[in-house]
Amino acid sequence: VVDLREAARLGLSRHAAEKLLGGPPTRWPARYDLASPLEQLPLGVPQLLVHGDADDVVPIGIARGYAERAAYAGDPCELVEVAGCGHEEHLDPGSHAWAPVVAWLEER
């Protein structure tokens, strides 16, 4: 999850972001500043985000928003939306979700 504040706001994965950081962003803003990838932009390195369009755990809009903010900050950031891919397919390196990752890495 590339935006922990939004994940906390939405209560994703049974409030996983709040559990990770010890509470909500309103209580621990500095923790969210340090831990959330969105807050670290620009990173100054090429980035690849791979997100399934069938993910029913983390909304794809979070990845889209991050990619837009990264580009605005001057970071090269590519978002690949994998058709028919849910939230956990990327855990299997043999799944079709890894094909764009392998291709991206081979280009570099």
PDB file of N, CA and C in Angstrom:
ATOM      1  N   VAL A   1       0.858  -1.173   0.000  1.00  0.00           N
ATOM      2  CA  VAL A   1       0.000   0.000   0.000  1.00  0.00           C
ATOM      3  C   VAL A   1       0.902   1.233   0.000  1.00  0.00           C
ATOM      4  N   VAL A   2       0.739   2.055  -0.990  1.00  0.00           N
ATOM      5  CA  VAL A   2       1.636   3.186  -1.171  1.00  0.00           C
ATOM      6  C   VAL A   2       1.169   4.482  -0.510  1.00  0.00           C
ATOM      7  N   ASP A   3      -0.021   4.462   0.065  1.00  0.00           N
ATOM      8  CA  ASP A   3      -0.528   5.639   0.786  1.00  0.00           C
ATOM      9  C   ASP A   3      -1.149   5.156   2.096  1.00  0.00           C
ATOM     10  N   LEU A   4      -0.356   5.187   3.142  1.00  0.00           N
ATOM     11  CA  LEU A   4      -0.817   4.655   4.423  1.00  0.00           C
ATOM     12  C   LEU A   4      -1.877   5.526   5.084  1.00  0.00           C
ATOM     13  N   ARG A   5      -1.848   6.818   4.841  1.00  0.00           N
ATOM     14  CA  ARG A   5      -2.902   7.678   5.391  1.00  0.00           C
ATOM     15  C   ARG A   5      -4.260   7.297   4.804  1.00  0.00           C
ATOM     16  N   GLU A   6      -4.283   7.108   3.497  1.00  0.00           N
ATOM     17  CA  GLU A   6      -5.546   6.733   2.847  1.00  0.00           C
ATOM     18  C   GLU A   6      -5.971   5.335   3.283  1.00  0.00           C
ATOM     19  N   ALA A   7      -5.028   4.431   3.432  1.00  0.00           N
ATOM     20  CA  ALA A   7      -5.353   3.090   3.911  1.00  0.00           C
ATOM     21  C   ALA A   7      -5.972   3.152   5.304  1.00  0.00           C
ATOM     22  N   ALA A   8      -5.431   3.997   6.161  1.00  0.00           N
ATOM     23  CA  ALA A   8      -5.983   4.160   7.504  1.00  0.00           C
ATOM     24  C   ALA A   8      -7.370   4.794   7.445  1.00  0.00           C
ATOM     25  N   ARG A   9      -7.516   5.803   6.612  1.00  0.00           N
ATOM     26  CA  ARG A   9      -8.817   6.477   6.482  1.00  0.00           C
ATOM     27  C   ARG A   9      -9.900   5.495   6.045  1.00  0.00           C
ATOM     28  N   LEU A  10      -9.534   4.595   5.131  1.00  0.00           N
ATOM     29  CA  LEU A  10     -10.492   3.616   4.610  1.00  0.00           C
ATOM     30  C   LEU A  10     -10.623   2.381   5.501  1.00  0.00           C
ATOM     31  N   GLY A  11      -9.713   2.227   6.472  1.00  0.00           N
ATOM     32  CA  GLY A  11      -9.761   1.058   7.350  1.00  0.00           C
ATOM     33  C   GLY A  11      -9.409  -0.234   6.638  1.00  0.00           C
ATOM     34  N   LEU A  12      -8.542  -0.152   5.636  1.00  0.00           N
ATOM     35  CA  LEU A  12      -8.214  -1.320   4.829  1.00  0.00           C
ATOM     36  C   LEU A  12      -7.617  -2.448   5.656  1.00  0.00           C
ATOM     37  N   SER A  13      -7.937  -3.664   5.259  1.00  0.00           N
ATOM     38  CA  SER A  13      -7.395  -4.886   5.871  1.00  0.00           C
ATOM     39  C   SER A  13      -7.514  -4.847   7.394  1.00  0.00           C
ATOM     40  N   ARG A  14      -8.720  -4.566   7.844  1.00  0.00           N
ATOM     41  CA  ARG A  14      -9.010  -4.513   9.287  1.00  0.00           C
ATOM     42  C   ARG A  14      -8.070  -3.545  10.009  1.00  0.00           C
ATOM     43  N   HIS A  15      -7.901  -2.372   9.397  1.00  0.00           N
ATOM     44  CA  HIS A  15      -7.119  -1.279   9.996  1.00  0.00           C
ATOM     45  C   HIS A  15      -5.635  -1.625  10.134  1.00  0.00           C
ATOM     46  N   ALA A  16      -5.098  -2.316   9.126  1.00  0.00           N
ATOM     47  CA  ALA A  16      -3.694  -2.758   9.163  1.00  0.00           C
ATOM     48  C   ALA A  16      -2.721  -1.587   9.304  1.00  0.00           C
ATOM     49  N   ALA A  17      -2.970  -0.476   8.617  1.00  0.00           N
ATOM     50  CA  ALA A  17      -2.051   0.665   8.717  1.00  0.00           C
ATOM     51  C   ALA A  17      -2.008   1.200  10.144  1.00  0.00           C
ATOM     52  N   GLU A  18      -3.156   1.302  10.777  1.00  0.00           N
ATOM     53  CA  GLU A  18      -3.200   1.792  12.158  1.00  0.00           C
ATOM     54  C   GLU A  18      -2.529   0.811  13.103  1.00  0.00           C
ATOM     55  N   LYS A  19      -2.703  -0.469  12.861  1.00  0.00           N
ATOM     56  CA  LYS A  19      -2.036  -1.471  13.697  1.00  0.00           C
ATOM     57  C   LYS A  19      -0.525  -1.396  13.514  1.00  0.00           C
ATOM     58  N   LEU A  20      -0.085  -1.222  12.292  1.00  0.00           N
ATOM     59  CA  LEU A  20       1.350  -1.118  12.000  1.00  0.00           C
ATOM     60  C   LEU A  20       1.981   0.088  12.683  1.00  0.00           C
ATOM     61  N   LEU A  21       1.283   1.213  12.649  1.00  0.00           N
ATOM     62  CA  LEU A  21       1.866   2.473  13.123  1.00  0.00           C
ATOM     63  C   LEU A  21       1.379   2.902  14.504  1.00  0.00           C
ATOM     64  N   GLY A  22       0.593   2.073  15.159  1.00  0.00           N
ATOM     65  CA  GLY A  22       0.206   2.328  16.536  1.00  0.00           C
ATOM     66  C   GLY A  22      -0.982   3.231  16.733  1.00  0.00           C
ATOM     67  N   GLY A  23      -1.691   3.539  15.663  1.00  0.00           N
ATOM     68  CA  GLY A  23      -2.869   4.380  15.781  1.00  0.00           C
ATOM     69  C   GLY A  23      -3.129   5.131  14.496  1.00  0.00           C
ATOM     70  N   PRO A  24      -4.108   6.020  14.521  1.00  0.00           N
ATOM     71  CA  PRO A  24      -4.483   6.757  13.312  1.00  0.00           C
ATOM     72  C   PRO A  24      -3.497   7.888  13.002  1.00  0.00           C
ATOM     73  N   PRO A  25      -3.531   8.373  11.774  1.00  0.00           N
ATOM     74  CA  PRO A  25      -2.641   9.470  11.398  1.00  0.00           C
ATOM     75  C   PRO A  25      -2.871  10.744  12.193  1.00  0.00           C
ATOM     76  N   THR A  26      -4.081  10.940  12.692  1.00  0.00           N
ATOM     77  CA  THR A  26      -4.345  12.136  13.495  1.00  0.00           C
ATOM     78  C   THR A  26      -3.578  12.091  14.813  1.00  0.00           C
ATOM     79  N   ARG A  27      -3.323  10.902  15.317  1.00  0.00           N
ATOM     80  CA  ARG A  27      -2.571  10.758  16.564  1.00  0.00           C
ATOM     81  C   ARG A  27      -1.068  10.697  16.326  1.00  0.00           C
ATOM     82  N   TRP A  28      -0.654  10.067  15.238  1.00  0.00           N
ATOM     83  CA  TRP A  28       0.769   9.844  14.951  1.00  0.00           C
ATOM     84  C   TRP A  28       1.151  10.362  13.560  1.00  0.00           C
ATOM     85  N   PRO A  29       0.966  11.629  13.271  1.00  0.00           N
ATOM     86  CA  PRO A  29       1.256  12.124  11.925  1.00  0.00           C
ATOM     87  C   PRO A  29       2.715  11.916  11.504  1.00  0.00           C
ATOM     88  N   ALA A  30       3.642  12.063  12.422  1.00  0.00           N
ATOM     89  CA  ALA A  30       5.057  11.896  12.062  1.00  0.00           C
ATOM     90  C   ALA A  30       5.363  10.461  11.651  1.00  0.00           C
ATOM     91  N   ARG A  31       4.707   9.500  12.269  1.00  0.00           N
ATOM     92  CA  ARG A  31       4.911   8.098  11.891  1.00  0.00           C
ATOM     93  C   ARG A  31       4.448   7.861  10.458  1.00  0.00           C
ATOM     94  N   TYR A  32       3.310   8.441  10.124  1.00  0.00           N
ATOM     95  CA  TYR A  32       2.797   8.289   8.761  1.00  0.00           C
ATOM     96  C   TYR A  32       3.696   9.025   7.764  1.00  0.00           C
ATOM     97  N   ASP A  33       4.222  10.171   8.163  1.00  0.00           N
ATOM     98  CA  ASP A  33       5.155  10.899   7.298  1.00  0.00           C
ATOM     99  C   ASP A  33       6.373  10.044   6.962  1.00  0.00           C
ATOM    100  N   LEU A  34       6.875   9.317   7.941  1.00  0.00           N
ATOM    101  CA  LEU A  34       8.074   8.501   7.749  1.00  0.00           C
ATOM    102  C   LEU A  34       7.797   7.165   7.053  1.00  0.00           C
ATOM    103  N   ALA A  35       6.618   6.588   7.277  1.00  0.00           N
ATOM    104  CA  ALA A  35       6.359   5.227   6.810  1.00  0.00           C
ATOM    105  C   ALA A  35       5.630   5.143   5.471  1.00  0.00           C
ATOM    106  N   SER A  36       4.886   6.146   5.120  1.00  0.00           N
ATOM    107  CA  SER A  36       4.072   6.065   3.912  1.00  0.00           C
ATOM    108  C   SER A  36       4.894   6.405   2.673  1.00  0.00           C
ATOM    109  N   PRO A  37       4.936   5.504   1.696  1.00  0.00           N
ATOM    110  CA  PRO A  37       5.697   5.784   0.478  1.00  0.00           C
ATOM    111  C   PRO A  37       5.289   7.090  -0.200  1.00  0.00           C
ATOM    112  N   LEU A  38       4.002   7.414  -0.168  1.00  0.00           N
ATOM    113  CA  LEU A  38       3.545   8.655  -0.792  1.00  0.00           C
ATOM    114  C   LEU A  38       4.232   9.871  -0.195  1.00  0.00           C
ATOM    115  N   GLU A  39       4.473   9.829   1.091  1.00  0.00           N
ATOM    116  CA  GLU A  39       5.092  10.963   1.780  1.00  0.00           C
ATOM    117  C   GLU A  39       6.582  11.092   1.480  1.00  0.00           C
ATOM    118  N   GLN A  40       7.173  10.094   0.851  1.00  0.00           N
ATOM    119  CA  GLN A  40       8.605  10.117   0.561  1.00  0.00           C
ATOM    120  C   GLN A  40       8.922  10.706  -0.809  1.00  0.00           C
ATOM    121  N   LEU A  41       7.900  10.980  -1.590  1.00  0.00           N
ATOM    122  CA  LEU A  41       8.127  11.507  -2.937  1.00  0.00           C
ATOM    123  C   LEU A  41       8.741  12.890  -2.899  1.00  0.00           C
ATOM    124  N   PRO A  42       9.637  13.189  -3.816  1.00  0.00           N
ATOM    125  CA  PRO A  42      10.149  12.324  -4.870  1.00  0.00           C
ATOM    126  C   PRO A  42      11.259  11.401  -4.357  1.00  0.00           C
ATOM    127  N   LEU A  43      11.307  10.229  -4.932  1.00  0.00           N
ATOM    128  CA  LEU A  43      12.343   9.259  -4.562  1.00  0.00           C
ATOM    129  C   LEU A  43      13.585   9.393  -5.428  1.00  0.00           C
ATOM    130  N   GLY A  44      13.406   9.898  -6.643  1.00  0.00           N
ATOM    131  CA  GLY A  44      14.549  10.064  -7.533  1.00  0.00           C
ATOM    132  C   GLY A  44      15.000   8.783  -8.215  1.00  0.00           C
ATOM    133  N   VAL A  45      14.150   7.772  -8.211  1.00  0.00           N
ATOM    134  CA  VAL A  45      14.468   6.507  -8.887  1.00  0.00           C
ATOM    135  C   VAL A  45      13.225   6.055  -9.671  1.00  0.00           C
ATOM    136  N   PRO A  46      13.434   5.310 -10.752  1.00  0.00           N
ATOM    137  CA  PRO A  46      12.282   4.775 -11.480  1.00  0.00           C
ATOM    138  C   PRO A  46      11.494   3.823 -10.590  1.00  0.00           C
ATOM    139  N   GLN A  47      10.170   3.882 -10.738  1.00  0.00           N
ATOM    140  CA  GLN A  47       9.294   3.044  -9.924  1.00  0.00           C
ATOM    141  C   GLN A  47       8.284   2.331 -10.812  1.00  0.00           C
ATOM    142  N   LEU A  48       7.948   1.126 -10.401  1.00  0.00           N
ATOM    143  CA  LEU A  48       6.911   0.352 -11.057  1.00  0.00           C
ATOM    144  C   LEU A  48       5.885  -0.044 -10.012  1.00  0.00           C
ATOM    145  N   LEU A  49       4.635   0.264 -10.288  1.00  0.00           N
ATOM    146  CA  LEU A  49       3.529  -0.192  -9.453  1.00  0.00           C
ATOM    147  C   LEU A  49       2.734  -1.200 -10.263  1.00  0.00           C
ATOM    148  N   VAL A  50       2.435  -2.331  -9.661  1.00  0.00           N
ATOM    149  CA  VAL A  50       1.613  -3.346 -10.311  1.00  0.00           C
ATOM    150  C   VAL A  50       0.399  -3.570  -9.420  1.00  0.00           C
ATOM    151  N   HIS A  51      -0.778  -3.373  -9.991  1.00  0.00           N
ATOM    152  CA  HIS A  51      -2.011  -3.466  -9.200  1.00  0.00           C
ATOM    153  C   HIS A  51      -3.071  -4.170 -10.029  1.00  0.00           C
ATOM    154  N   GLY A  52      -3.709  -5.141  -9.438  1.00  0.00           N
ATOM    155  CA  GLY A  52      -4.773  -5.850 -10.130  1.00  0.00           C
ATOM    156  C   GLY A  52      -6.037  -5.031 -10.214  1.00  0.00           C
ATOM    157  N   ASP A  53      -6.675  -5.082 -11.368  1.00  0.00           N
ATOM    158  CA  ASP A  53      -7.920  -4.322 -11.515  1.00  0.00           C
ATOM    159  C   ASP A  53      -9.095  -5.006 -10.817  1.00  0.00           C
ATOM    160  N   ALA A  54      -8.868  -6.226 -10.315  1.00  0.00           N
ATOM    161  CA  ALA A  54      -9.912  -6.941  -9.575  1.00  0.00           C
ATOM    162  C   ALA A  54      -9.587  -7.018  -8.080  1.00  0.00           C
ATOM    163  N   ASP A  55      -8.657  -6.180  -7.622  1.00  0.00           N
ATOM    164  CA  ASP A  55      -8.289  -6.159  -6.205  1.00  0.00           C
ATOM    165  C   ASP A  55      -9.458  -5.615  -5.402  1.00  0.00           C
ATOM    166  N   ASP A  56      -9.998  -6.445  -4.524  1.00  0.00           N
ATOM    167  CA  ASP A  56     -11.120  -6.004  -3.701  1.00  0.00           C
ATOM    168  C   ASP A  56     -10.695  -5.694  -2.268  1.00  0.00           C
ATOM    169  N   VAL A  57      -9.380  -5.646  -2.040  1.00  0.00           N
ATOM    170  CA  VAL A  57      -8.846  -5.324  -0.714  1.00  0.00           C
ATOM    171  C   VAL A  57      -8.293  -3.900  -0.688  1.00  0.00           C
ATOM    172  N   VAL A  58      -7.465  -3.574  -1.667  1.00  0.00           N
ATOM    173  CA  VAL A  58      -6.882  -2.234  -1.781  1.00  0.00           C
ATOM    174  C   VAL A  58      -7.397  -1.616  -3.080  1.00  0.00           C
ATOM    175  N   PRO A  59      -8.122  -0.517  -2.989  1.00  0.00           N
ATOM    176  CA  PRO A  59      -8.654   0.111  -4.207  1.00  0.00           C
ATOM    177  C   PRO A  59      -7.540   0.546  -5.152  1.00  0.00           C
ATOM    178  N   ILE A  60      -7.748   0.314  -6.420  1.00  0.00           N
ATOM    179  CA  ILE A  60      -6.751   0.671  -7.421  1.00  0.00           C
ATOM    180  C   ILE A  60      -6.522   2.183  -7.472  1.00  0.00           C
ATOM    181  N   GLY A  61      -7.483   2.937  -6.998  1.00  0.00           N
ATOM    182  CA  GLY A  61      -7.328   4.390  -6.964  1.00  0.00           C
ATOM    183  C   GLY A  61      -6.152   4.842  -6.109  1.00  0.00           C
ATOM    184  N   ILE A  62      -5.776   4.052  -5.122  1.00  0.00           N
ATOM    185  CA  ILE A  62      -4.613   4.406  -4.303  1.00  0.00           C
ATOM    186  C   ILE A  62      -3.349   4.364  -5.151  1.00  0.00           C
ATOM    187  N   ALA A  63      -3.206   3.331  -5.958  1.00  0.00           N
ATOM    188  CA  ALA A  63      -2.036   3.229  -6.842  1.00  0.00           C
ATOM    189  C   ALA A  63      -2.067   4.319  -7.907  1.00  0.00           C
ATOM    190  N   ARG A  64      -3.236   4.595  -8.440  1.00  0.00           N
ATOM    191  CA  ARG A  64      -3.355   5.650  -9.461  1.00  0.00           C
ATOM    192  C   ARG A  64      -2.967   7.006  -8.878  1.00  0.00           C
ATOM    193  N   GLY A  65      -3.439   7.293  -7.675  1.00  0.00           N
ATOM    194  CA  GLY A  65      -3.105   8.561  -7.039  1.00  0.00           C
ATOM    195  C   GLY A  65      -1.618   8.691  -6.772  1.00  0.00           C
ATOM    196  N   TYR A  66      -1.001   7.597  -6.336  1.00  0.00           N
ATOM    197  CA  TYR A  66       0.441   7.615  -6.090  1.00  0.00           C
ATOM    198  C   TYR A  66       1.188   7.871  -7.391  1.00  0.00           C
ATOM    199  N   ALA A  67       0.818   7.166  -8.452  1.00  0.00           N
ATOM    200  CA  ALA A  67       1.509   7.331  -9.736  1.00  0.00           C
ATOM    201  C   ALA A  67       1.407   8.778 -10.222  1.00  0.00           C
ATOM    202  N   GLU A  68       0.241   9.381 -10.052  1.00  0.00           N
ATOM    203  CA  GLU A  68       0.065  10.779 -10.455  1.00  0.00           C
ATOM    204  C   GLU A  68       0.950  11.705  -9.625  1.00  0.00           C
ATOM    205  N   ARG A  69       0.977  11.492  -8.314  1.00  0.00           N
ATOM    206  CA  ARG A  69       1.795  12.339  -7.441  1.00  0.00           C
ATOM    207  C   ARG A  69       3.284  12.140  -7.722  1.00  0.00           C
ATOM    208  N   ALA A  70       3.689  10.902  -7.993  1.00  0.00           N
ATOM    209  CA  ALA A  70       5.095  10.642  -8.309  1.00  0.00           C
ATOM    210  C   ALA A  70       5.495  11.379  -9.580  1.00  0.00           C
ATOM    211  N   ALA A  71       4.658  11.290 -10.607  1.00  0.00           N
ATOM    212  CA  ALA A  71       4.955  11.986 -11.867  1.00  0.00           C
ATOM    213  C   ALA A  71       5.011  13.494 -11.643  1.00  0.00           C
ATOM    214  N   TYR A  72       4.075  14.024 -10.882  1.00  0.00           N
ATOM    215  CA  TYR A  72       4.054  15.455 -10.583  1.00  0.00           C
ATOM    216  C   TYR A  72       5.330  15.879  -9.845  1.00  0.00           C
ATOM    217  N   ALA A  73       5.844  14.982  -8.988  1.00  0.00           N
ATOM    218  CA  ALA A  73       7.058  15.267  -8.230  1.00  0.00           C
ATOM    219  C   ALA A  73       8.322  15.068  -9.071  1.00  0.00           C
ATOM    220  N   GLY A  74       8.158  14.573 -10.304  1.00  0.00           N
ATOM    221  CA  GLY A  74       9.300  14.391 -11.191  1.00  0.00           C
ATOM    222  C   GLY A  74       9.889  12.994 -11.205  1.00  0.00           C
ATOM    223  N   ASP A  75       9.260  12.062 -10.530  1.00  0.00           N
ATOM    224  CA  ASP A  75       9.743  10.685 -10.511  1.00  0.00           C
ATOM    225  C   ASP A  75       9.186   9.900 -11.692  1.00  0.00           C
ATOM    226  N   PRO A  76      10.042   9.133 -12.366  1.00  0.00           N
ATOM    227  CA  PRO A  76       9.511   8.217 -13.375  1.00  0.00           C
ATOM    228  C   PRO A  76       8.773   7.085 -12.664  1.00  0.00           C
ATOM    229  N   CYS A  77       7.487   6.986 -12.895  1.00  0.00           N
ATOM    230  CA  CYS A  77       6.659   5.996 -12.206  1.00  0.00           C
ATOM    231  C   CYS A  77       5.662   5.419 -13.200  1.00  0.00           C
ATOM    232  N   GLU A  78       5.720   4.114 -13.357  1.00  0.00           N
ATOM    233  CA  GLU A  78       4.815   3.424 -14.258  1.00  0.00           C
ATOM    234  C   GLU A  78       3.835   2.591 -13.438  1.00  0.00           C
ATOM    235  N   LEU A  79       2.568   2.698 -13.758  1.00  0.00           N
ATOM    236  CA  LEU A  79       1.533   1.889 -13.129  1.00  0.00           C
ATOM    237  C   LEU A  79       1.011   0.904 -14.155  1.00  0.00           C
ATOM    238  N   VAL A  80       1.099  -0.373 -13.827  1.00  0.00           N
ATOM    239  CA  VAL A  80       0.532  -1.422 -14.671  1.00  0.00           C
ATOM    240  C   VAL A  80      -0.680  -1.982 -13.951  1.00  0.00           C
ATOM    241  N   GLU A  81      -1.813  -1.910 -14.600  1.00  0.00           N
ATOM    242  CA  GLU A  81      -3.043  -2.465 -14.059  1.00  0.00           C
ATOM    243  C   GLU A  81      -3.257  -3.826 -14.704  1.00  0.00           C
ATOM    244  N   VAL A  82      -3.129  -4.874 -13.910  1.00  0.00           N
ATOM    245  CA  VAL A  82      -3.203  -6.231 -14.440  1.00  0.00           C
ATOM    246  C   VAL A  82      -4.662  -6.690 -14.473  1.00  0.00           C
ATOM    247  N   ALA A  83      -5.132  -6.991 -15.663  1.00  0.00           N
ATOM    248  CA  ALA A  83      -6.525  -7.401 -15.855  1.00  0.00           C
ATOM    249  C   ALA A  83      -6.810  -8.716 -15.142  1.00  0.00           C
ATOM    250  N   GLY A  84      -7.897  -8.720 -14.408  1.00  0.00           N
ATOM    251  CA  GLY A  84      -8.352  -9.927 -13.740  1.00  0.00           C
ATOM    252  C   GLY A  84      -7.555 -10.328 -12.520  1.00  0.00           C
ATOM    253  N   CYS A  85      -6.643  -9.502 -12.102  1.00  0.00           N
ATOM    254  CA  CYS A  85      -5.773  -9.830 -10.965  1.00  0.00           C
ATOM    255  C   CYS A  85      -6.349  -9.223  -9.691  1.00  0.00           C
ATOM    256  N   GLY A  86      -6.400 -10.035  -8.656  1.00  0.00           N
ATOM    257  CA  GLY A  86      -6.895  -9.577  -7.370  1.00  0.00           C
ATOM    258  C   GLY A  86      -5.770  -9.107  -6.477  1.00  0.00           C
ATOM    259  N   HIS A  87      -5.937  -9.299  -5.189  1.00  0.00           N
ATOM    260  CA  HIS A  87      -4.990  -8.774  -4.208  1.00  0.00           C
ATOM    261  C   HIS A  87      -3.799  -9.688  -3.942  1.00  0.00           C
ATOM    262  N   GLU A  88      -3.950 -10.990  -4.117  1.00  0.00           N
ATOM    263  CA  GLU A  88      -2.895 -11.905  -3.684  1.00  0.00           C
ATOM    264  C   GLU A  88      -2.157 -12.629  -4.805  1.00  0.00           C
ATOM    265  N   GLU A  89      -2.578 -12.478  -6.040  1.00  0.00           N
ATOM    266  CA  GLU A  89      -1.930 -13.204  -7.128  1.00  0.00           C
ATOM    267  C   GLU A  89      -0.437 -12.889  -7.246  1.00  0.00           C
ATOM    268  N   HIS A  90      -0.066 -11.668  -6.918  1.00  0.00           N
ATOM    269  CA  HIS A  90       1.344 -11.277  -7.055  1.00  0.00           C
ATOM    270  C   HIS A  90       2.254 -12.015  -6.069  1.00  0.00           C
ATOM    271  N   LEU A  91       1.688 -12.690  -5.083  1.00  0.00           N
ATOM    272  CA  LEU A  91       2.502 -13.443  -4.136  1.00  0.00           C
ATOM    273  C   LEU A  91       3.124 -14.677  -4.777  1.00  0.00           C
ATOM    274  N   ASP A  92       2.558 -15.127  -5.883  1.00  0.00           N
ATOM    275  CA  ASP A  92       3.062 -16.287  -6.607  1.00  0.00           C
ATOM    276  C   ASP A  92       3.899 -15.799  -7.785  1.00  0.00           C
ATOM    277  N   PRO A  93       5.235 -15.990  -7.742  1.00  0.00           N
ATOM    278  CA  PRO A  93       6.070 -15.489  -8.838  1.00  0.00           C
ATOM    279  C   PRO A  93       5.773 -16.153 -10.183  1.00  0.00           C
ATOM    280  N   GLY A  94       5.007 -17.226 -10.179  1.00  0.00           N
ATOM    281  CA  GLY A  94       4.622 -17.863 -11.423  1.00  0.00           C
ATOM    282  C   GLY A  94       3.332 -17.319 -12.012  1.00  0.00           C
ATOM    283  N   SER A  95       2.678 -16.402 -11.299  1.00  0.00           N
ATOM    284  CA  SER A  95       1.405 -15.873 -11.783  1.00  0.00           C
ATOM    285  C   SER A  95       1.613 -14.840 -12.885  1.00  0.00           C
ATOM    286  N   HIS A  96       0.536 -14.581 -13.624  1.00  0.00           N
ATOM    287  CA  HIS A  96       0.607 -13.595 -14.705  1.00  0.00           C
ATOM    288  C   HIS A  96       0.862 -12.178 -14.178  1.00  0.00           C
ATOM    289  N   ALA A  97       0.673 -11.950 -12.896  1.00  0.00           N
ATOM    290  CA  ALA A  97       0.913 -10.622 -12.326  1.00  0.00           C
ATOM    291  C   ALA A  97       2.398 -10.259 -12.336  1.00  0.00           C
ATOM    292  N   TRP A  98       3.270 -11.249 -12.403  1.00  0.00           N
ATOM    293  CA  TRP A  98       4.702 -10.983 -12.391  1.00  0.00           C
ATOM    294  C   TRP A  98       5.268 -10.660 -13.769  1.00  0.00           C
ATOM    295  N   ALA A  99       4.559 -10.966 -14.828  1.00  0.00           N
ATOM    296  CA  ALA A  99       5.067 -10.708 -16.179  1.00  0.00           C
ATOM    297  C   ALA A  99       5.477  -9.244 -16.386  1.00  0.00           C
ATOM    298  N   PRO A 100       4.660  -8.270 -15.974  1.00  0.00           N
ATOM    299  CA  PRO A 100       5.105  -6.886 -16.175  1.00  0.00           C
ATOM    300  C   PRO A 100       6.318  -6.522 -15.323  1.00  0.00           C
ATOM    301  N   VAL A 101       6.458  -7.143 -14.179  1.00  0.00           N
ATOM    302  CA  VAL A 101       7.626  -6.878 -13.326  1.00  0.00           C
ATOM    303  C   VAL A 101       8.888  -7.390 -14.009  1.00  0.00           C
ATOM    304  N   VAL A 102       8.835  -8.620 -14.501  1.00  0.00           N
ATOM    305  CA  VAL A 102       9.991  -9.211 -15.180  1.00  0.00           C
ATOM    306  C   VAL A 102      10.362  -8.378 -16.403  1.00  0.00           C
ATOM    307  N   ALA A 103       9.371  -8.004 -17.193  1.00  0.00           N
ATOM    308  CA  ALA A 103       9.640  -7.194 -18.389  1.00  0.00           C
ATOM    309  C   ALA A 103      10.268  -5.858 -18.032  1.00  0.00           C
ATOM    310  N   TRP A 104       9.748  -5.211 -16.997  1.00  0.00           N
ATOM    311  CA  TRP A 104      10.258  -3.912 -16.563  1.00  0.00           C
ATOM    312  C   TRP A 104      11.707  -4.027 -16.116  1.00  0.00           C
ATOM    313  N   LEU A 105      12.000  -5.067 -15.340  1.00  0.00           N
ATOM    314  CA  LEU A 105      13.362  -5.264 -14.860  1.00  0.00           C
ATOM    315  C   LEU A 105      14.316  -5.602 -15.992  1.00  0.00           C
ATOM    316  N   GLU A 106      13.868  -6.393 -16.950  1.00  0.00           N
ATOM    317  CA  GLU A 106      14.734  -6.753 -18.075  1.00  0.00           C
ATOM    318  C   GLU A 106      15.071  -5.544 -18.933  1.00  0.00           C
ATOM    319  N   GLU A 107      14.180  -4.570 -19.004  1.00  0.00           N
ATOM    320  CA  GLU A 107      14.443  -3.342 -19.763  1.00  0.00           C
ATOM    321  C   GLU A 107      15.536  -2.495 -19.111  1.00  0.00           C
ATOM    322  N   ARG A 108      15.765  -2.733 -17.846  1.00  0.00           N
ATOM    323  CA  ARG A 108      16.751  -1.941 -17.140  1.00  0.00           C
ATOM    324  C   ARG A 108      18.021  -2.701 -17.011  1.00  0.00           C
TER     325      ARG A 108
END
